């Protein structure tokens, strides 16, 4: 059994716990602290699991629904860089993030 990083309760070791408050993700006895940006992306992928999250929804998770002037001019590139940075920490937990070409990204839990 694993303890939840935010409340300390026991949880099933295969459960994926994403805490927006503590910026942590836990699964199978592994816990990783991610940046707030990475946690937002992972949270969006978890919400849409097993379906892919679109590039637009991931961009909205990062920047909110704001005017185009305050967003990145290349949202797909920004999201791709963040996902690349997240992969190593998540791989130890049996979590992969796959591109879905023309759509966005999908979380795969093994």
N, C-alpha and C. Protein backbone atom coordinates (compact mmCIF):
# COMPACT_ATOMS: atom_id res chain seq x y z
N UNK A 1 0.83 -1.19 0.00
CA UNK A 1 0.00 0.00 0.00
C UNK A 1 0.87 1.25 0.00
N UNK A 2 0.34 2.28 -0.60
CA UNK A 2 1.00 3.57 -0.69
C UNK A 2 0.17 4.59 0.06
N UNK A 3 0.82 5.61 0.59
CA UNK A 3 0.11 6.70 1.24
C UNK A 3 -0.06 7.86 0.28
N UNK A 4 -1.24 8.45 0.31
CA UNK A 4 -1.52 9.61 -0.51
C UNK A 4 -0.62 10.77 -0.06
N UNK A 5 0.05 11.47 -1.00
CA UNK A 5 0.96 12.55 -0.60
C UNK A 5 0.25 13.77 0.00
N UNK A 6 -1.04 13.94 -0.27
CA UNK A 6 -1.71 15.12 0.27
C UNK A 6 -2.50 14.85 1.54
N UNK A 7 -3.13 13.66 1.66
CA UNK A 7 -3.96 13.41 2.85
C UNK A 7 -3.42 12.30 3.75
N UNK A 8 -2.45 11.52 3.26
CA UNK A 8 -1.85 10.48 4.08
C UNK A 8 -2.64 9.19 4.19
N UNK A 9 -3.77 9.07 3.49
CA UNK A 9 -4.57 7.85 3.55
C UNK A 9 -3.96 6.77 2.67
N UNK A 10 -4.22 5.51 3.03
CA UNK A 10 -3.74 4.40 2.22
C UNK A 10 -4.52 4.33 0.92
N UNK A 11 -3.80 4.01 -0.15
CA UNK A 11 -4.44 3.85 -1.45
C UNK A 11 -3.85 2.62 -2.13
N UNK A 12 -4.59 2.09 -3.08
CA UNK A 12 -4.14 0.96 -3.88
C UNK A 12 -2.89 1.38 -4.65
N UNK A 13 -1.90 0.49 -4.70
CA UNK A 13 -0.62 0.84 -5.32
C UNK A 13 -0.70 1.05 -6.82
N UNK A 14 -1.73 0.53 -7.48
CA UNK A 14 -1.87 0.75 -8.91
C UNK A 14 -2.63 2.03 -9.23
N UNK A 15 -3.21 2.66 -8.22
CA UNK A 15 -3.94 3.91 -8.46
C UNK A 15 -2.98 5.03 -8.80
N UNK A 16 -3.38 5.86 -9.71
CA UNK A 16 -2.60 7.03 -10.08
C UNK A 16 -3.14 8.21 -9.31
N UNK A 17 -2.30 8.80 -8.49
CA UNK A 17 -2.70 9.96 -7.69
C UNK A 17 -1.96 11.20 -8.18
N UNK A 18 -2.71 12.18 -8.63
CA UNK A 18 -2.15 13.44 -9.08
C UNK A 18 -2.64 14.51 -8.13
N UNK A 19 -1.71 15.17 -7.43
CA UNK A 19 -2.08 16.21 -6.48
C UNK A 19 -1.68 17.58 -7.02
N UNK A 20 -2.69 18.39 -7.30
CA UNK A 20 -2.43 19.75 -7.77
C UNK A 20 -1.92 20.64 -6.64
N UNK A 21 -2.25 20.27 -5.39
CA UNK A 21 -1.84 21.08 -4.24
C UNK A 21 -0.35 20.92 -3.94
N UNK A 22 0.15 19.68 -4.05
CA UNK A 22 1.55 19.42 -3.69
C UNK A 22 2.43 19.19 -4.90
N UNK A 23 1.85 19.26 -6.11
CA UNK A 23 2.58 19.03 -7.36
C UNK A 23 3.26 17.67 -7.39
N UNK A 24 2.58 16.65 -6.88
CA UNK A 24 3.14 15.30 -6.86
C UNK A 24 2.24 14.34 -7.62
N UNK A 25 2.87 13.27 -8.08
CA UNK A 25 2.16 12.18 -8.72
C UNK A 25 2.70 10.90 -8.10
N UNK A 26 1.79 9.97 -7.76
CA UNK A 26 2.19 8.72 -7.10
C UNK A 26 1.50 7.55 -7.77
N UNK A 27 2.27 6.45 -7.87
CA UNK A 27 1.73 5.19 -8.38
C UNK A 27 2.76 4.11 -8.12
N UNK A 28 2.27 2.93 -7.71
CA UNK A 28 3.12 1.75 -7.50
C UNK A 28 4.28 2.01 -6.54
N UNK A 29 4.05 2.78 -5.52
CA UNK A 29 5.09 3.04 -4.53
C UNK A 29 6.09 4.10 -4.93
N UNK A 30 5.95 4.68 -6.11
CA UNK A 30 6.84 5.75 -6.57
C UNK A 30 6.10 7.08 -6.45
N UNK A 31 6.79 8.09 -5.99
CA UNK A 31 6.24 9.44 -5.94
C UNK A 31 7.24 10.37 -6.60
N UNK A 32 6.73 11.26 -7.42
CA UNK A 32 7.59 12.25 -8.09
C UNK A 32 6.97 13.62 -7.91
N UNK A 33 7.82 14.60 -7.72
CA UNK A 33 7.38 15.98 -7.67
C UNK A 33 7.64 16.60 -9.04
N UNK A 34 6.59 17.13 -9.62
CA UNK A 34 6.69 17.76 -10.93
C UNK A 34 6.48 19.26 -10.80
N UNK A 35 6.83 19.98 -11.83
CA UNK A 35 6.57 21.42 -11.82
C UNK A 35 5.07 21.65 -11.91
N UNK A 36 4.59 22.81 -11.49
CA UNK A 36 3.16 23.10 -11.61
C UNK A 36 2.64 22.96 -13.04
N UNK A 37 3.45 23.33 -14.01
CA UNK A 37 3.07 23.20 -15.41
C UNK A 37 2.90 21.73 -15.79
N UNK A 38 3.83 20.90 -15.39
CA UNK A 38 3.76 19.48 -15.71
C UNK A 38 2.58 18.80 -15.02
N UNK A 39 2.30 19.21 -13.79
CA UNK A 39 1.13 18.65 -13.08
C UNK A 39 -0.16 19.02 -13.80
N UNK A 40 -0.26 20.23 -14.29
CA UNK A 40 -1.47 20.64 -15.03
C UNK A 40 -1.66 19.80 -16.27
N UNK A 41 -0.58 19.54 -17.00
CA UNK A 41 -0.66 18.70 -18.20
C UNK A 41 -1.08 17.28 -17.82
N UNK A 42 -0.43 16.72 -16.82
CA UNK A 42 -0.76 15.36 -16.39
C UNK A 42 -2.20 15.27 -15.89
N UNK A 43 -2.65 16.27 -15.18
CA UNK A 43 -4.03 16.29 -14.69
C UNK A 43 -5.02 16.27 -15.87
N UNK A 44 -4.74 17.04 -16.90
CA UNK A 44 -5.60 17.06 -18.09
C UNK A 44 -5.58 15.71 -18.78
N UNK A 45 -4.41 15.08 -18.88
CA UNK A 45 -4.32 13.75 -19.49
C UNK A 45 -5.08 12.72 -18.66
N UNK A 46 -5.03 12.85 -17.35
CA UNK A 46 -5.76 11.94 -16.46
C UNK A 46 -7.28 12.12 -16.63
N UNK A 47 -7.72 13.36 -16.79
CA UNK A 47 -9.15 13.62 -16.96
C UNK A 47 -9.69 13.01 -18.24
N UNK A 48 -8.91 12.99 -19.29
CA UNK A 48 -9.38 12.48 -20.57
C UNK A 48 -9.07 11.00 -20.77
N UNK A 49 -8.30 10.39 -19.87
CA UNK A 49 -7.88 8.99 -19.99
C UNK A 49 -9.08 8.08 -20.13
N UNK A 50 -9.10 7.15 -21.04
CA UNK A 50 -8.05 6.67 -21.94
C UNK A 50 -8.04 7.38 -23.29
N UNK A 51 -8.90 8.34 -23.47
CA UNK A 51 -8.92 9.09 -24.73
C UNK A 51 -7.80 10.12 -24.75
N UNK A 52 -7.43 10.59 -25.93
CA UNK A 52 -6.38 11.61 -25.98
C UNK A 52 -6.90 12.99 -25.58
N UNK A 53 -5.99 13.79 -25.07
CA UNK A 53 -6.28 15.20 -24.80
C UNK A 53 -5.83 15.98 -26.04
N UNK A 54 -6.65 16.89 -26.50
CA UNK A 54 -6.30 17.65 -27.70
C UNK A 54 -5.22 18.67 -27.39
N UNK A 55 -4.54 19.10 -28.44
CA UNK A 55 -3.54 20.16 -28.27
C UNK A 55 -4.18 21.40 -27.65
N UNK A 56 -5.39 21.73 -28.09
CA UNK A 56 -6.08 22.91 -27.57
C UNK A 56 -6.40 22.78 -26.08
N UNK A 57 -6.86 21.60 -25.65
CA UNK A 57 -7.19 21.43 -24.24
C UNK A 57 -5.94 21.46 -23.37
N UNK A 58 -4.84 20.94 -23.87
CA UNK A 58 -3.58 21.01 -23.12
C UNK A 58 -3.07 22.44 -23.04
N UNK A 59 -3.22 23.18 -24.14
CA UNK A 59 -2.84 24.60 -24.13
C UNK A 59 -3.70 25.38 -23.15
N UNK A 60 -5.01 25.07 -23.10
CA UNK A 60 -5.90 25.73 -22.15
C UNK A 60 -5.54 25.37 -20.71
N UNK A 61 -5.08 24.14 -20.48
CA UNK A 61 -4.66 23.74 -19.13
C UNK A 61 -3.45 24.56 -18.69
N UNK A 62 -2.59 24.90 -19.63
CA UNK A 62 -1.39 25.68 -19.30
C UNK A 62 -1.69 27.16 -19.13
N UNK A 63 -2.47 27.70 -20.03
CA UNK A 63 -2.66 29.16 -20.07
C UNK A 63 -4.06 29.62 -19.73
N UNK A 64 -4.99 28.70 -19.56
CA UNK A 64 -6.37 29.09 -19.33
C UNK A 64 -6.99 29.57 -20.62
N UNK A 65 -8.24 29.88 -20.57
CA UNK A 65 -8.92 30.38 -21.76
C UNK A 65 -8.74 31.89 -21.82
N UNK A 66 -7.60 32.28 -22.32
CA UNK A 66 -7.26 33.69 -22.40
C UNK A 66 -7.19 34.12 -23.85
N UNK A 67 -6.91 35.39 -24.05
CA UNK A 67 -6.79 35.87 -25.41
C UNK A 67 -5.53 35.30 -26.04
N UNK A 68 -5.53 35.25 -27.34
CA UNK A 68 -4.38 34.68 -28.05
C UNK A 68 -3.09 35.45 -27.79
N UNK A 69 -3.18 36.73 -27.45
CA UNK A 69 -1.97 37.52 -27.21
C UNK A 69 -1.17 37.02 -26.02
N UNK A 70 -1.83 36.42 -25.02
CA UNK A 70 -1.11 35.97 -23.83
C UNK A 70 -0.70 34.51 -23.91
N UNK A 71 -1.09 33.83 -24.96
CA UNK A 71 -0.72 32.44 -25.15
C UNK A 71 0.57 32.34 -25.94
N UNK A 72 1.11 31.15 -25.92
CA UNK A 72 2.27 30.87 -26.74
C UNK A 72 1.86 30.95 -28.20
N UNK A 73 2.76 31.40 -29.03
CA UNK A 73 2.47 31.45 -30.46
C UNK A 73 2.59 30.06 -31.09
N UNK A 74 3.26 29.14 -30.41
CA UNK A 74 3.40 27.78 -30.90
C UNK A 74 2.99 26.79 -29.82
N UNK A 75 1.68 26.68 -29.56
CA UNK A 75 1.22 25.84 -28.44
C UNK A 75 1.63 24.38 -28.57
N UNK A 76 1.63 23.83 -29.78
CA UNK A 76 2.01 22.42 -29.94
C UNK A 76 3.46 22.20 -29.54
N UNK A 77 4.33 23.12 -29.90
CA UNK A 77 5.74 23.00 -29.56
C UNK A 77 5.95 23.12 -28.06
N UNK A 78 5.27 24.04 -27.41
CA UNK A 78 5.41 24.23 -25.96
C UNK A 78 4.96 22.97 -25.22
N UNK A 79 3.81 22.43 -25.60
CA UNK A 79 3.30 21.21 -24.95
C UNK A 79 4.25 20.05 -25.20
N UNK A 80 4.77 19.93 -26.42
CA UNK A 80 5.70 18.83 -26.74
C UNK A 80 6.95 18.89 -25.88
N UNK A 81 7.49 20.08 -25.64
CA UNK A 81 8.68 20.24 -24.80
C UNK A 81 8.36 19.83 -23.35
N UNK A 82 7.24 20.26 -22.82
CA UNK A 82 6.87 19.89 -21.45
C UNK A 82 6.68 18.38 -21.31
N UNK A 83 6.02 17.76 -22.27
CA UNK A 83 5.78 16.32 -22.20
C UNK A 83 7.11 15.57 -22.28
N UNK A 84 8.00 16.03 -23.10
CA UNK A 84 9.32 15.41 -23.19
C UNK A 84 10.04 15.45 -21.84
N UNK A 85 9.91 16.55 -21.14
CA UNK A 85 10.55 16.70 -19.83
C UNK A 85 9.90 15.81 -18.78
N UNK A 86 8.63 15.50 -18.91
CA UNK A 86 7.90 14.71 -17.92
C UNK A 86 8.13 13.20 -18.05
N UNK A 87 8.47 12.75 -19.22
CA UNK A 87 8.47 11.31 -19.52
C UNK A 87 9.34 10.48 -18.59
N UNK A 88 10.52 10.93 -18.26
CA UNK A 88 11.43 10.13 -17.43
C UNK A 88 10.83 9.86 -16.06
N UNK A 89 10.28 10.88 -15.42
CA UNK A 89 9.71 10.72 -14.09
C UNK A 89 8.50 9.79 -14.11
N UNK A 90 7.73 9.83 -15.17
CA UNK A 90 6.51 9.02 -15.24
C UNK A 90 6.79 7.58 -15.66
N UNK A 91 7.84 7.36 -16.41
CA UNK A 91 8.15 6.01 -16.90
C UNK A 91 8.36 5.03 -15.75
N UNK A 92 8.98 5.48 -14.65
CA UNK A 92 9.22 4.61 -13.49
C UNK A 92 7.90 4.15 -12.86
N UNK A 93 6.83 4.86 -13.11
CA UNK A 93 5.51 4.51 -12.56
C UNK A 93 4.67 3.71 -13.53
N UNK A 94 5.23 3.38 -14.69
CA UNK A 94 4.47 2.64 -15.69
C UNK A 94 3.52 3.51 -16.48
N UNK A 95 3.86 4.79 -16.61
CA UNK A 95 3.02 5.73 -17.34
C UNK A 95 3.79 6.24 -18.54
N UNK A 96 3.19 6.13 -19.70
CA UNK A 96 3.77 6.67 -20.93
C UNK A 96 2.81 7.72 -21.48
N UNK A 97 3.35 8.68 -22.19
CA UNK A 97 2.54 9.67 -22.88
C UNK A 97 2.85 9.54 -24.36
N UNK A 98 1.83 9.16 -25.12
CA UNK A 98 1.99 8.92 -26.55
C UNK A 98 1.39 10.05 -27.35
N UNK A 99 2.04 10.41 -28.45
CA UNK A 99 1.42 11.38 -29.35
C UNK A 99 0.30 10.72 -30.15
N UNK A 100 -0.76 11.44 -30.37
CA UNK A 100 -1.83 11.02 -31.26
C UNK A 100 -1.83 12.06 -32.37
N UNK A 101 -1.20 11.71 -33.46
CA UNK A 101 -0.93 12.67 -34.52
C UNK A 101 -2.20 13.33 -35.04
N UNK A 102 -2.14 14.64 -35.12
CA UNK A 102 -3.26 15.44 -35.57
C UNK A 102 -4.29 15.73 -34.49
N UNK A 103 -4.11 15.15 -33.29
CA UNK A 103 -5.08 15.33 -32.21
C UNK A 103 -4.42 15.94 -30.99
N UNK A 104 -3.46 15.22 -30.38
CA UNK A 104 -2.83 15.68 -29.15
C UNK A 104 -1.99 14.57 -28.55
N UNK A 105 -2.25 14.25 -27.26
CA UNK A 105 -1.49 13.23 -26.54
C UNK A 105 -2.43 12.37 -25.71
N UNK A 106 -1.99 11.10 -25.49
CA UNK A 106 -2.77 10.17 -24.72
C UNK A 106 -1.86 9.56 -23.65
N UNK A 107 -2.40 9.40 -22.44
CA UNK A 107 -1.69 8.74 -21.37
C UNK A 107 -1.97 7.24 -21.47
N UNK A 108 -0.89 6.44 -21.37
CA UNK A 108 -0.99 4.99 -21.40
C UNK A 108 -0.46 4.47 -20.08
N UNK A 109 -1.29 3.73 -19.36
CA UNK A 109 -0.91 3.20 -18.05
C UNK A 109 -0.75 1.69 -18.17
N UNK A 110 0.43 1.20 -17.81
CA UNK A 110 0.66 -0.25 -17.92
C UNK A 110 0.76 -0.87 -16.55
